[in-house]
Amino acid sequence: QVQLVESGGGLVQAGGSLRLSCTASGRTVSSTNMGWFRQAPGKEREFVVAISWSSNTYYADSVKGRFTISRDNAKNTVYLHMNSLKPEDTAVYYCAARRSGFSSRDYEVSSAYNYWGQGTQVTVSS
């Protein structure tokens, strides 16, 4: 049984920073392709960032230069470091894991992931 638990969300002012955590059980993050998605009210879930088991990273254009994904294998945790936050970053952020490797650009596709966390709310005030 694979479980993903996110934490670290909250309310922050525009320009501020947050770090989200995704701790996995039942699977090691060091050998798993992981991703972060977000969903704002009334919008579809969208890709934010992904990291492959070989540490390749992929970012959505909207967060490049502001967000960074990292992994702590000892803690079996993936982090999303978010800087220079904007009101449009407000959403529920979800961590996801994929059993198989990424191919083409499927790291951007939510249906390509097998496991999901419950989500954590990030609210950026203007």
Foldseek 3Di string as FASTA:
>chain_A
DKAWAKDWADEEAAQAKTKMKIAIDPDAPLQWKKFKWWDDPPGDIWGAKIAHNVGDIDGDPVQPPFWDWDADRVRSMIMIIGGRDDQVVWTWMKMFIAPDGDDDPCSGPPVRTDYIHPTDTHGYHD
